Amino acid sequence: IEDLLRQLNLFCKECRRIFGLCVFIGLGNACSPLTNIYVSYQNALEALGYKAIADASPVLYYCDVELSNRTGPGFDNSTEEELMAAIRVGSRDETTQMVAQVANPVYDVKLHSSQYQVYIISILNVMFRLLEQYKIDSRIVFGKNLDYSVILSDVTDKERMRKWMLSSCLKLRDEIQKERADSMQSIISKALDFIQAHYKDPELSVELIANHCSLSPAYF
């Protein structure tokens, strides 16, 4: 099997040198009898899911990749809340640090492409919940031609995915800050209008103004 791996690696290198093509080969395990060749074929397809970790060799041997850690980093409720808080109220630096904290672990372990996709979907879920909460048009953050299939197919391109994730989270953070500022300005204007209309009323109070603005007196 070692000689076959060397020959396949040489083939991939020649494809890159001559044609400029980046070729990956999945190699299944040996099977006997030959009628079980379909099992080896399925294993070869499974091995190709590990292209993200094929930095050293473009040939992925099923028996090697299956020895890697198949348990991906968890995206638990605590991580989700921290990411949401960073985007919602954090500074740009804090958001950048949190995105790195969330993104880096998934690329520090050897995972199948499907596991990368599940993790990215969890992050997208957080972002869309914030978009819905603040009534922000997703096209502002993701562009007019958002294609989820392209995003999920590119998850194994580590640097590209990190840059996309950071850019999207920062855009969302900036839009939320803008929305909050606009909302606060609207509340201030509403309060000033109410005060101007009722400043002669001896019963005018913080409680009345806060109630008019749909806020609690403590917050107001």
Protein backbone atom coordinates (compact mmCIF):
# COMPACT_ATOMS: atom_id res chain seq x y z
CA ILE A 1 0.00 0.00 0.00
CA GLU A 2 2.93 2.33 0.68
CA ASP A 3 4.15 2.01 -2.90
CA LEU A 4 0.65 2.76 -4.20
CA LEU A 5 0.45 5.85 -2.03
CA ARG A 6 3.79 7.09 -3.36
CA GLN A 7 2.68 6.57 -6.97
CA LEU A 8 -0.63 8.38 -6.38
CA ASN A 9 1.16 11.28 -4.70
CA LEU A 10 3.50 11.53 -7.66
CA PHE A 11 0.51 11.57 -10.01
CA CYS A 12 -1.06 14.47 -8.08
CA LYS A 13 2.19 16.42 -8.12
CA GLU A 14 2.56 15.96 -11.86
CA CYS A 15 -1.01 17.13 -12.42
CA ARG A 16 -0.22 20.29 -10.52
CA ARG A 17 3.11 20.80 -12.31
CA ILE A 18 1.91 20.13 -15.86
CA PHE A 19 -1.73 21.21 -15.83
CA GLY A 20 -1.85 23.52 -12.81
CA LEU A 21 -4.59 21.36 -11.30
CA CYS A 22 -5.00 20.62 -7.61
CA VAL A 23 -5.99 16.95 -7.53
CA PHE A 24 -7.07 14.99 -4.45
CA ILE A 25 -7.38 11.22 -4.40
CA GLY A 26 -9.35 9.16 -1.91
CA LEU A 27 -8.06 5.65 -1.33
CA GLY A 28 -10.25 3.00 0.28
CA ASN A 29 -9.07 0.06 2.33
CA ALA A 30 -8.13 -3.25 0.76
CA CYS A 31 -11.03 -5.64 0.34
CA SER A 32 -11.47 -9.32 -0.19
CA PRO A 33 -13.21 -10.83 -2.05
CA LEU A 34 -13.32 -8.45 -5.00
CA THR A 35 -17.11 -8.37 -4.86
CA ASN A 36 -16.70 -6.08 -1.82
CA ILE A 37 -15.01 -3.43 -3.93
CA TYR A 38 -18.02 -1.14 -3.41
CA VAL A 39 -17.09 -0.92 0.29
CA SER A 40 -13.62 0.30 -0.62
CA TYR A 41 -15.18 2.82 -3.01
CA GLN A 42 -17.44 4.19 -0.26
CA ASN A 43 -14.44 4.43 2.08
CA ALA A 44 -12.50 6.34 -0.60
CA LEU A 45 -15.36 8.87 -0.89
CA GLU A 46 -15.43 9.19 2.89
CA ALA A 47 -11.69 9.84 2.96
CA LEU A 48 -12.09 12.72 0.49
CA GLY A 49 -14.16 14.51 3.12
CA TYR A 50 -10.89 15.19 4.92
CA LYS A 51 -9.44 17.42 2.19
CA ALA A 52 -9.13 20.24 4.73
CA ILE A 53 -6.34 18.39 6.51
CA ALA A 54 -4.53 17.30 3.37
CA ASP A 55 -1.81 19.94 3.72
CA ALA A 56 1.04 17.47 3.41
CA SER A 57 -0.44 14.92 0.99
CA PRO A 58 -3.20 15.12 -1.63
CA VAL A 59 -3.81 11.39 -1.27
CA LEU A 60 -6.15 10.52 1.58
CA TYR A 61 -6.02 6.92 2.72
CA TYR A 62 -9.15 5.81 4.55
CA CYS A 63 -7.31 3.80 7.17
CA ASP A 64 -5.18 6.84 8.06
CA VAL A 65 -7.87 9.51 8.25
CA GLU A 66 -10.21 7.31 10.25
CA LEU A 67 -7.61 7.31 13.02
CA SER A 68 -8.08 11.07 13.41
CA ASN A 69 -10.38 12.65 15.92
CA ARG A 70 -13.95 12.48 14.62
CA THR A 71 -15.41 14.47 17.51
CA GLY A 72 -15.64 18.11 16.53
CA PRO A 73 -15.49 21.08 18.89
CA GLY A 74 -18.81 21.76 20.54
CA PHE A 75 -20.82 24.88 19.85
CA ASP A 76 -22.69 24.88 23.15
CA ASN A 77 -25.12 27.40 24.62
CA SER A 78 -22.36 29.22 26.47
CA THR A 79 -20.31 29.76 23.29
CA GLU A 80 -23.43 30.82 21.44
CA GLU A 81 -24.33 33.41 24.08
CA GLU A 82 -20.79 34.78 24.16
CA LEU A 83 -20.72 35.18 20.38
CA MET A 84 -24.12 36.88 20.38
CA ALA A 85 -23.06 39.25 23.18
CA ALA A 86 -19.83 40.17 21.38
CA ILE A 87 -21.67 40.98 18.16
CA ARG A 88 -24.51 42.76 19.92
CA VAL A 89 -22.69 44.97 22.42
CA GLY A 90 -18.96 44.37 22.04
CA SER A 91 -16.41 46.62 20.40
CA ARG A 92 -14.94 45.70 17.02
CA ASP A 93 -11.84 44.37 18.77
CA GLU A 94 -13.93 42.28 21.17
CA THR A 95 -15.99 40.92 18.29
CA THR A 96 -12.82 40.07 16.35
CA GLN A 97 -11.37 38.22 19.35
CA MET A 98 -14.59 36.29 19.93
CA VAL A 99 -14.89 35.26 16.27
CA ALA A 100 -11.29 34.00 16.39
CA GLN A 101 -12.08 32.11 19.59
CA VAL A 102 -15.05 30.47 17.90
CA ALA A 103 -13.47 29.83 14.50
CA ASN A 104 -9.98 28.65 15.41
CA PRO A 105 -10.84 25.43 17.31
CA VAL A 106 -12.78 23.95 14.39
CA TYR A 107 -9.70 24.21 12.18
CA ASP A 108 -7.27 22.99 14.83
CA VAL A 109 -8.59 19.42 14.72
CA LYS A 110 -8.94 16.89 11.92
CA LEU A 111 -12.58 16.79 10.91
CA HIS A 112 -14.70 15.52 8.06
CA SER A 113 -16.16 18.22 5.81
CA SER A 114 -19.68 17.43 7.09
CA GLN A 115 -18.56 18.27 10.64
CA TYR A 116 -17.18 21.61 9.48
CA GLN A 117 -20.53 22.31 7.82
CA VAL A 118 -22.53 21.55 10.97
CA TYR A 119 -20.33 23.94 12.95
CA ILE A 120 -20.65 26.73 10.38
CA ILE A 121 -24.43 26.26 10.30
CA SER A 122 -24.49 26.77 14.08
CA ILE A 123 -22.64 30.08 13.66
CA LEU A 124 -24.95 31.14 10.83
CA ASN A 125 -27.91 30.36 13.08
CA VAL A 126 -26.62 32.85 15.67
CA MET A 127 -26.19 35.53 13.03
CA PHE A 128 -29.65 35.04 11.54
CA ARG A 129 -31.26 35.19 14.98
CA LEU A 130 -29.62 38.57 15.50
CA LEU A 131 -30.70 39.71 12.04
CA GLU A 132 -34.27 38.79 12.92
CA GLN A 133 -34.10 40.37 16.37
CA TYR A 134 -32.92 43.73 15.04
CA LYS A 135 -34.89 43.56 11.77
CA ILE A 136 -31.75 43.89 9.66
CA ASP A 137 -31.80 42.97 5.98
CA SER A 138 -29.53 39.94 5.52
CA ARG A 139 -28.34 41.35 2.19
CA ILE A 140 -26.59 44.17 4.06
CA VAL A 141 -24.45 41.64 5.90
CA PHE A 142 -24.08 38.80 3.40
CA GLY A 143 -24.52 40.61 0.09
CA LYS A 144 -27.30 40.39 -2.46
CA ASN A 145 -26.35 36.99 -3.85
CA LEU A 146 -25.95 34.87 -0.74
CA ASP A 147 -25.46 31.24 -1.77
CA TYR A 148 -25.46 28.85 1.18
CA SER A 149 -24.25 25.95 -0.95
CA VAL A 150 -21.12 27.94 -1.87
CA ILE A 151 -20.49 28.87 1.76
CA LEU A 152 -20.82 25.28 2.95
CA SER A 153 -18.73 23.92 0.10
CA ASP A 154 -15.93 26.36 0.94
CA VAL A 155 -15.75 25.60 4.66
CA THR A 156 -12.55 23.58 4.27
CA ASP A 157 -10.73 26.63 2.87
CA LYS A 158 -9.56 27.74 6.30
CA GLU A 159 -8.35 31.26 5.63
CA ARG A 160 -11.19 32.12 3.27
CA MET A 161 -13.78 30.93 5.77
CA ARG A 162 -12.13 32.79 8.67
CA LYS A 163 -12.11 36.02 6.66
CA TRP A 164 -15.72 35.55 5.57
CA MET A 165 -16.87 34.82 9.10
CA LEU A 166 -15.04 37.81 10.59
CA SER A 167 -16.23 40.17 7.87
CA SER A 168 -19.85 39.05 8.24
CA CYS A 169 -19.82 39.28 12.04
CA LEU A 170 -18.27 42.76 11.98
CA LYS A 171 -20.82 43.97 9.42
CA LEU A 172 -23.62 42.59 11.58
CA ARG A 173 -22.11 44.19 14.68
CA ASP A 174 -21.88 47.59 12.94
CA GLU A 175 -25.49 47.36 11.71
CA ILE A 176 -26.72 46.49 15.20
CA GLN A 177 -24.84 49.44 16.68
CA LYS A 178 -26.38 51.69 14.04
CA GLU A 179 -29.83 50.31 14.76
CA ARG A 180 -29.38 50.83 18.49
CA ALA A 181 -28.20 54.40 17.96
CA ASP A 182 -31.17 55.15 15.70
CA SER A 183 -33.53 53.58 18.22
CA MET A 184 -32.06 55.60 21.09
CA GLN A 185 -32.31 58.81 19.08
CA SER A 186 -35.95 58.01 18.36
CA ILE A 187 -36.64 57.51 22.07
CA ILE A 188 -34.92 60.78 22.97
CA SER A 189 -36.95 62.67 20.37
CA LYS A 190 -40.15 61.07 21.60
CA ALA A 191 -39.36 62.02 25.21
CA LEU A 192 -38.49 65.62 24.28
CA ASP A 193 -41.71 66.00 22.32
CA PHE A 194 -43.73 64.70 25.28
CA ILE A 195 -41.95 67.04 27.71
CA GLN A 196 -42.49 70.00 25.42
CA ALA A 197 -46.19 69.19 25.16
CA HIS A 198 -46.70 68.67 28.92
CA TYR A 199 -44.06 70.79 30.66
CA LYS A 200 -46.80 72.92 32.29
CA ASP A 201 -48.46 69.86 33.78
CA PRO A 202 -47.61 69.79 37.52
CA GLU A 203 -47.95 66.00 37.48
CA LEU A 204 -45.28 65.55 34.82
CA SER A 205 -42.76 63.03 36.14
CA VAL A 206 -40.05 60.64 35.06
CA GLU A 207 -42.56 57.82 35.41
CA LEU A 208 -44.99 59.46 32.96
CA ILE A 209 -42.25 60.20 30.42
CA ALA A 210 -40.84 56.67 30.71
CA ASN A 211 -44.30 55.15 30.31
CA HIS A 212 -44.89 57.27 27.18
CA CYS A 213 -41.63 55.95 25.73
CA SER A 214 -42.44 52.36 26.75
CA LEU A 215 -39.47 52.19 29.09
CA SER A 216 -39.10 51.44 32.76
CA PRO A 217 -38.36 54.51 34.96
CA ALA A 218 -35.11 52.89 36.12
CA TYR A 219 -33.86 52.50 32.57
CA PHE A 220 -35.07 55.94 31.56
